């Protein structure tokens, strides 16, 4: 059996005492905010991966330039 609570946005299921959110607009807003947070987190991870990749490429280029310079002085 479902009963009303003091807060009009919630109902209580008497069989297991669970609170049920009855405010559909608040729930949809919560889902939208959660998706935005998830999307932001994914973009942030991709940017971090790109920074790491660029750093690795710079290090490899530095090693190649160093080898080239060392090779030209030994000739």
C-alpha atoms as a PDB file:
ATOM      1  CA  UNK A   1       0.000   0.000   0.000  1.00  0.00           C
ATOM      2  CA  UNK A   2       1.293   3.476  -0.936  1.00  0.00           C
ATOM      3  CA  UNK A   3       0.733   6.366   1.487  1.00  0.00           C
ATOM      4  CA  UNK A   4       1.437  10.091   1.318  1.00  0.00           C
ATOM      5  CA  UNK A   5       4.227  11.657   3.373  1.00  0.00           C
ATOM      6  CA  UNK A   6       4.678  15.130   4.829  1.00  0.00           C
ATOM      7  CA  UNK A   7       6.647  16.079   1.720  1.00  0.00           C
ATOM      8  CA  UNK A   8       4.240  16.140  -1.223  1.00  0.00           C
ATOM      9  CA  UNK A   9       7.012  15.062  -3.618  1.00  0.00           C
ATOM     10  CA  UNK A  10       7.338  11.659  -1.950  1.00  0.00           C
ATOM     11  CA  UNK A  11       5.156   8.652  -1.246  1.00  0.00           C
ATOM     12  CA  UNK A  12       5.952   5.727   1.043  1.00  0.00           C
ATOM     13  CA  UNK A  13       5.513   2.061   0.150  1.00  0.00           C
ATOM     14  CA  UNK A  14       4.235   0.438   3.343  1.00  0.00           C
ATOM     15  CA  UNK A  15       5.343  -3.062   2.329  1.00  0.00           C
ATOM     16  CA  UNK A  16       9.062  -2.203   2.348  1.00  0.00           C
ATOM     17  CA  UNK A  17       9.087   1.406   3.667  1.00  0.00           C
ATOM     18  CA  UNK A  18      10.702   2.685   0.473  1.00  0.00           C
ATOM     19  CA  UNK A  19      10.355   6.363  -0.413  1.00  0.00           C
ATOM     20  CA  UNK A  20       9.034   6.939  -3.921  1.00  0.00           C
ATOM     21  CA  UNK A  21       9.645  10.242  -5.693  1.00  0.00           C
ATOM     22  CA  UNK A  22       6.348  11.354  -7.199  1.00  0.00           C
ATOM     23  CA  UNK A  23       7.714  14.609  -8.676  1.00  0.00           C
ATOM     24  CA  UNK A  24       8.307  13.668 -12.319  1.00  0.00           C
ATOM     25  CA  UNK A  25       9.746  17.100 -13.231  1.00  0.00           C
ATOM     26  CA  UNK A  26      12.352  16.933 -10.460  1.00  0.00           C
ATOM     27  CA  UNK A  27      13.261  13.392 -11.494  1.00  0.00           C
ATOM     28  CA  UNK A  28      13.675  14.372 -15.153  1.00  0.00           C
ATOM     29  CA  UNK A  29      15.811  17.363 -14.132  1.00  0.00           C
ATOM     30  CA  UNK A  30      17.966  15.058 -11.989  1.00  0.00           C
ATOM     31  CA  UNK A  31      18.435  12.647 -14.919  1.00  0.00           C
ATOM     32  CA  UNK A  32      19.371  15.534 -17.239  1.00  0.00           C
ATOM     33  CA  UNK A  33      21.926  16.918 -14.759  1.00  0.00           C
ATOM     34  CA  UNK A  34      23.390  13.466 -14.215  1.00  0.00           C
ATOM     35  CA  UNK A  35      23.781  12.968 -17.987  1.00  0.00           C
ATOM     36  CA  UNK A  36      25.497  16.361 -18.311  1.00  0.00           C
ATOM     37  CA  UNK A  37      27.870  15.428 -15.479  1.00  0.00           C
ATOM     38  CA  UNK A  38      28.610  12.090 -17.172  1.00  0.00           C
ATOM     39  CA  UNK A  39      29.225  13.806 -20.529  1.00  0.00           C
ATOM     40  CA  UNK A  40      31.506  16.398 -18.894  1.00  0.00           C
ATOM     41  CA  UNK A  41      33.458  13.645 -17.155  1.00  0.00           C
ATOM     42  CA  UNK A  42      33.944  11.784 -20.440  1.00  0.00           C
ATOM     43  CA  UNK A  43      35.155  14.916 -22.219  1.00  0.00           C
ATOM     44  CA  UNK A  44      37.549  15.620 -19.360  1.00  0.00           C
ATOM     45  CA  UNK A  45      38.974  12.080 -19.594  1.00  0.00           C
ATOM     46  CA  UNK A  46      39.425  12.413 -23.361  1.00  0.00           C
ATOM     47  CA  UNK A  47      41.258  15.736 -22.914  1.00  0.00           C
ATOM     48  CA  UNK A  48      43.546  14.149 -20.317  1.00  0.00           C
ATOM     49  CA  UNK A  49      44.294  11.273 -22.707  1.00  0.00           C
ATOM     50  CA  UNK A  50      45.071  13.741 -25.520  1.00  0.00           C
ATOM     51  CA  UNK A  51      47.425  15.674 -23.231  1.00  0.00           C
ATOM     52  CA  UNK A  52      49.248  12.448 -22.396  1.00  0.00           C
ATOM     53  CA  UNK A  53      49.467  11.474 -26.070  1.00  0.00           C
ATOM     54  CA  UNK A  54      50.850  14.894 -27.034  1.00  0.00           C
ATOM     55  CA  UNK A  55      53.393  14.697 -24.226  1.00  0.00           C
ATOM     56  CA  UNK A  56      54.492  11.241 -25.429  1.00  0.00           C
ATOM     57  CA  UNK A  57      54.838  12.526 -29.004  1.00  0.00           C
ATOM     58  CA  UNK A  58      56.931  15.488 -27.822  1.00  0.00           C
ATOM     59  CA  UNK A  59      59.207  13.146 -25.869  1.00  0.00           C
ATOM     60  CA  UNK A  60      59.644  10.847 -28.882  1.00  0.00           C
ATOM     61  CA  UNK A  61      60.417  13.800 -31.143  1.00  0.00           C
ATOM     62  CA  UNK A  62      62.995  15.008 -28.632  1.00  0.00           C
ATOM     63  CA  UNK A  63      64.666  11.587 -28.657  1.00  0.00           C
ATOM     64  CA  UNK A  64      64.693  11.510 -32.470  1.00  0.00           C
ATOM     65  CA  UNK A  65      66.220  15.003 -32.633  1.00  0.00           C
ATOM     66  CA  UNK A  66      68.823  14.026 -30.042  1.00  0.00           C
ATOM     67  CA  UNK A  67      69.763  10.892 -32.037  1.00  0.00           C
ATOM     68  CA  UNK A  68      69.961  12.929 -35.227  1.00  0.00           C
ATOM     69  CA  UNK A  69      72.220  15.510 -33.578  1.00  0.00           C
ATOM     70  CA  UNK A  70      74.459  12.828 -32.039  1.00  0.00           C
ATOM     71  CA  UNK A  71      74.681  11.024 -35.382  1.00  0.00           C
ATOM     72  CA  UNK A  72      75.713  14.142 -37.287  1.00  0.00           C
ATOM     73  CA  UNK A  73      78.520  14.988 -34.828  1.00  0.00           C
ATOM     74  CA  UNK A  74      80.017  11.492 -35.086  1.00  0.00           C
ATOM     75  CA  UNK A  75      80.480  11.739 -38.883  1.00  0.00           C
END
